[in-house]
Protein backbone atom coordinates (compact mmCIF):
# COMPACT_ATOMS: atom_id res chain seq x y z
CA MET A 1 14.41 17.21 7.24
CA GLU A 2 12.30 14.19 8.42
CA THR A 3 9.43 13.02 6.38
CA SER A 4 7.22 12.41 9.91
CA ASN A 5 7.52 16.23 10.43
CA LEU A 6 6.47 16.78 6.81
CA GLN A 7 3.13 14.78 7.43
CA THR A 8 2.71 16.32 10.94
CA PHE A 9 2.78 19.78 9.16
CA LEU A 10 0.30 18.64 6.58
CA THR A 11 -1.87 16.99 9.34
CA VAL A 12 -1.79 20.52 11.34
CA THR A 13 -2.70 22.08 8.11
CA ALA A 14 -5.50 20.20 7.46
CA THR A 15 -7.05 20.28 11.03
CA GLY A 16 -6.05 23.78 12.00
CA SER A 17 -5.03 22.71 15.19
CA PHE A 18 -1.96 20.98 17.08
CA THR A 19 -4.50 19.01 19.53
CA LYS A 20 -6.85 17.60 16.70
CA ALA A 21 -3.57 16.79 14.57
CA ALA A 22 -2.04 14.75 17.70
CA GLY A 23 -5.41 13.18 17.86
CA GLN A 24 -4.95 11.84 14.19
CA SER A 25 -1.62 11.14 14.59
CA PHE A 26 -1.95 9.27 17.71
CA LEU A 27 0.72 11.67 19.48
CA SER A 28 0.47 14.07 22.13
CA ALA A 29 -0.09 17.79 21.42
CA PRO A 30 3.41 18.51 22.93
CA ALA A 31 4.89 16.07 20.52
CA VAL A 32 3.25 17.61 17.35
CA MET A 33 4.33 20.90 18.43
CA LYS A 34 7.89 19.66 18.76
CA GLN A 35 8.03 18.68 15.67
CA ILE A 36 6.67 21.72 14.06
CA ASN A 37 9.10 23.58 15.80
CA LYS A 38 11.88 21.60 14.70
CA LEU A 39 10.66 22.04 11.12
CA GLU A 40 10.12 25.90 11.36
CA GLN A 41 13.69 25.67 12.95
CA GLU A 42 15.27 23.96 9.87
CA LEU A 43 13.39 26.23 7.50
CA GLY A 44 14.21 29.05 9.57
CA VAL A 45 10.33 30.81 9.17
CA ALA A 46 7.33 30.57 10.67
CA LEU A 47 5.03 27.96 9.28
CA PHE A 48 1.79 28.77 11.31
CA THR A 49 0.26 31.75 13.06
CA ARG A 50 -0.78 30.30 16.42
CA THR A 51 -3.86 32.09 18.31
CA SER A 52 -6.31 30.76 21.05
CA THR A 53 -8.59 28.98 18.70
CA GLY A 54 -6.30 27.29 16.48
CA VAL A 55 -3.42 27.87 13.76
CA THR A 56 -3.58 28.98 10.14
CA LEU A 57 -0.46 29.01 7.77
CA THR A 58 1.91 31.97 7.40
CA PRO A 59 2.63 33.10 3.64
CA ALA A 60 5.76 31.14 3.93
CA GLY A 61 3.67 27.87 5.20
CA LYS A 62 1.32 28.60 2.62
CA GLY A 63 4.09 28.17 0.05
CA PHE A 64 5.55 25.48 1.71
CA LYS A 65 2.65 23.26 1.87
CA GLY A 66 2.83 22.21 -2.02
CA TYR A 67 6.42 21.14 -1.28
CA ALA A 68 5.50 19.27 1.73
CA GLU A 69 2.80 17.31 -0.26
CA GLN A 70 5.11 16.58 -3.28
CA ILE A 71 7.99 15.50 -0.80
CA VAL A 72 5.68 13.15 1.15
CA ASN A 73 3.82 11.79 -1.59
CA LEU A 74 7.13 10.95 -3.56
CA VAL A 75 8.40 9.33 -0.42
CA ASN A 76 5.21 7.22 -0.39
CA GLN A 77 5.64 6.02 -3.92
CA ALA A 78 9.08 5.24 -3.39
CA LEU A 79 8.19 2.85 -0.48
CA VAL A 80 5.24 1.31 -2.30
CA ALA A 81 7.58 0.62 -5.49
CA SER A 82 10.36 -0.45 -2.91
CA HIS A 83 7.92 -3.13 -1.54
CA GLN A 84 6.43 -4.22 -5.13
CA ARG A 85 10.12 -4.74 -6.42
CA SER A 86 10.86 -6.83 -2.80
CA GLU A 87 8.06 -9.23 -3.59
CA GLU A 88 8.32 -9.66 -7.17
CA HIS A 89 12.14 -10.70 -6.27
CA THR A 90 11.24 -12.87 -3.50
CA SER A 91 8.35 -14.73 -5.66
CA GLU A 92 11.10 -15.01 -8.44
CA LEU A 93 13.27 -16.58 -5.95
CA GLN A 94 10.67 -19.31 -4.64
CA SER A 95 9.38 -20.11 -8.02
CA PRO A 96 10.50 -23.31 -9.34
CA GLY A 97 12.82 -22.86 -12.37
């Protein structure tokens, strides 16, 4: 499961539209749909009900949303912590001892 697909899922959830999510993510609408389809295939459930006016979360999608938010937040925290440690290590190496 790719973090980018989870982020796209959350963006679609927030906007209610593949097209709007694509615009916010600087992707094409077909690329967004492909990511969502892949995520749904991996999970084995439909996450969205698709209509001509947009998309809404299925019960499975509603249940999955909280987990997706936690995963994305945790990955972001890990990235920030890794960068901070790297910067601290670099400044320790560069400081005169």
